[in-house]
Amino acid sequence: MAPPKRDNARAARALVDAALLGDATACAKHEITTRTLQRYRAALETDEELSAFYAQLSRAVTTQNWATELNITLVTLVRKLGTMTRDLPGSTAENISAVTGAVKVLSEIAITREVLGAGEVDDAGDGDAD
């Protein structure tokens, strides 16, 4: 009797979760044993479909996590920069240079967001797209 066919999409999700959350958490989440997870890992080397699912899901999750983290960091830095600029005393050459530098940094951030495909962002800085 042949063993049941593995659900490669499910196996790929479990493997990505194991990489991100650890084996125990992934096994609990997907209701599988550690041995099953080990079999999934071994199958990555020989099963092209599983390997493709894993690579695609891994890229998507990594990109999503990176973009979310970037957004949170940028929002925090923009707010801090705004506070620092407002707190500068007077119009000394040093302060004018600091404000000009801040404007340059914000412009570069805006360009970076466009290049990365973020477009306009209506975000409260909580990490959730509004």
Protein backbone atom coordinates (compact mmCIF):
# COMPACT_ATOMS: atom_id res chain seq x y z
CA MET A 1 0.00 0.00 0.00
CA ALA A 2 1.41 3.38 -1.04
CA PRO A 3 1.79 6.08 1.61
CA PRO A 4 -0.67 8.98 1.35
CA LYS A 5 0.37 11.84 -0.91
CA ARG A 6 1.88 14.74 0.99
CA ASP A 7 0.09 18.11 0.79
CA ASN A 8 3.10 20.11 -0.45
CA ALA A 9 1.46 23.51 0.08
CA ARG A 10 0.74 22.61 3.72
CA ALA A 11 4.23 21.16 4.15
CA ALA A 12 5.79 24.36 2.77
CA ARG A 13 3.76 26.48 5.21
CA ALA A 14 4.94 24.30 8.09
CA LEU A 15 8.56 24.56 6.96
CA VAL A 16 8.42 28.36 6.64
CA ASP A 17 6.80 28.62 10.06
CA ALA A 18 9.50 26.37 11.51
CA ALA A 19 12.18 28.66 10.07
CA LEU A 20 10.48 31.74 11.52
CA LEU A 21 8.99 30.45 14.77
CA GLY A 22 10.95 27.32 15.61
CA ASP A 23 10.13 23.65 15.19
CA ALA A 24 7.99 23.21 18.31
CA THR A 25 5.75 26.19 17.54
CA ALA A 26 5.37 25.18 13.89
CA CYS A 27 4.52 21.60 14.81
CA ALA A 28 1.89 22.75 17.29
CA LYS A 29 0.44 25.27 14.85
CA HIS A 30 0.18 22.74 12.01
CA GLU A 31 -0.68 19.80 14.28
CA ILE A 32 2.19 17.65 13.04
CA THR A 33 4.96 15.73 14.78
CA THR A 34 8.60 16.70 14.81
CA ARG A 35 9.28 13.61 12.73
CA THR A 36 6.83 14.79 10.06
CA LEU A 37 8.59 18.16 9.97
CA GLN A 38 11.91 16.35 9.55
CA ARG A 39 10.44 14.35 6.67
CA TYR A 40 9.27 17.59 5.05
CA ARG A 41 12.79 19.00 5.33
CA ALA A 42 14.30 15.89 3.79
CA ALA A 43 11.76 16.02 0.95
CA LEU A 44 12.86 19.56 0.05
CA GLU A 45 15.94 18.07 -1.61
CA THR A 46 14.07 15.66 -3.87
CA ASP A 47 10.56 17.05 -4.38
CA GLU A 48 10.64 19.89 -6.89
CA GLU A 49 7.05 20.92 -6.24
CA LEU A 50 7.61 21.16 -2.47
CA SER A 51 10.86 23.03 -3.05
CA ALA A 52 9.11 25.52 -5.35
CA PHE A 53 6.23 26.06 -2.89
CA TYR A 54 8.73 26.57 -0.06
CA ALA A 55 10.87 29.03 -2.03
CA GLN A 56 7.84 31.06 -3.14
CA LEU A 57 6.27 31.18 0.33
CA SER A 58 9.58 31.92 2.00
CA ARG A 59 10.21 34.87 -0.34
CA ALA A 60 6.69 36.21 0.17
CA VAL A 61 6.89 36.00 3.96
CA THR A 62 10.37 37.49 4.08
CA THR A 63 9.37 40.36 1.80
CA GLN A 64 6.20 41.01 3.78
CA ASN A 65 8.05 40.98 7.11
CA TRP A 66 10.78 43.22 5.73
CA ALA A 67 8.30 45.71 4.29
CA THR A 68 6.32 45.84 7.54
CA GLU A 69 9.47 46.35 9.59
CA LEU A 70 10.69 49.03 7.20
CA ASN A 71 7.38 50.87 7.44
CA ILE A 72 7.39 50.84 11.26
CA THR A 73 10.99 52.04 11.37
CA LEU A 74 10.46 54.81 8.81
CA VAL A 75 7.35 56.13 10.56
CA THR A 76 9.19 56.18 13.91
CA LEU A 77 12.21 57.94 12.42
CA VAL A 78 10.12 60.53 10.57
CA ARG A 79 8.29 61.40 13.80
CA LYS A 80 11.54 61.65 15.75
CA LEU A 81 13.09 63.81 13.05
CA GLY A 82 10.05 66.12 13.10
CA THR A 83 10.28 66.52 16.89
CA MET A 84 14.01 67.18 16.75
CA THR A 85 13.58 69.79 14.00
CA ARG A 86 10.79 71.60 15.87
CA ASP A 87 12.93 71.73 19.03
CA LEU A 88 15.87 73.46 17.32
CA PRO A 89 16.40 76.95 18.77
CA GLY A 90 16.75 79.94 16.44
CA SER A 91 18.00 80.23 12.89
CA THR A 92 21.70 79.64 13.29
CA ALA A 93 23.67 78.32 10.33
CA GLU A 94 24.07 75.01 12.13
CA ASN A 95 20.31 74.67 12.70
CA ILE A 96 19.47 75.63 9.12
CA SER A 97 21.92 72.97 7.96
CA ALA A 98 20.28 70.43 10.26
CA VAL A 99 16.80 71.21 8.89
CA THR A 100 18.09 71.06 5.32
CA GLY A 101 19.65 67.68 6.09
CA ALA A 102 16.35 66.48 7.55
CA VAL A 103 14.48 67.53 4.39
CA LYS A 104 17.04 65.66 2.29
CA VAL A 105 16.63 62.53 4.39
CA LEU A 106 12.84 62.69 4.15
CA SER A 107 13.06 63.14 0.38
CA GLU A 108 15.28 60.08 0.11
CA ILE A 109 12.83 58.09 2.23
CA ALA A 110 9.96 59.14 -0.03
CA ILE A 111 11.90 58.07 -3.12
CA THR A 112 12.84 54.76 -1.49
CA ARG A 113 9.20 54.05 -0.65
CA GLU A 114 8.19 54.71 -4.27
CA VAL A 115 10.92 52.48 -5.63
CA LEU A 116 9.91 49.70 -3.26
CA GLY A 117 6.32 50.01 -4.41
CA ALA A 118 4.94 51.28 -1.13
CA GLY A 119 3.32 54.30 -2.76
CA GLU A 120 1.26 56.50 -0.52
CA VAL A 121 1.02 55.37 3.07
CA ASP A 122 -1.76 56.29 5.46
CA ASP A 123 -0.29 54.78 8.59
CA ALA A 124 -0.53 55.51 12.28
CA GLY A 125 2.87 53.93 12.87
CA ASP A 126 1.41 50.84 14.51
CA GLY A 127 2.66 48.48 11.83
CA ASP A 128 -0.80 47.90 10.37
CA ALA A 129 -1.65 49.37 7.00
CA ASP A 130 -4.62 51.69 7.46
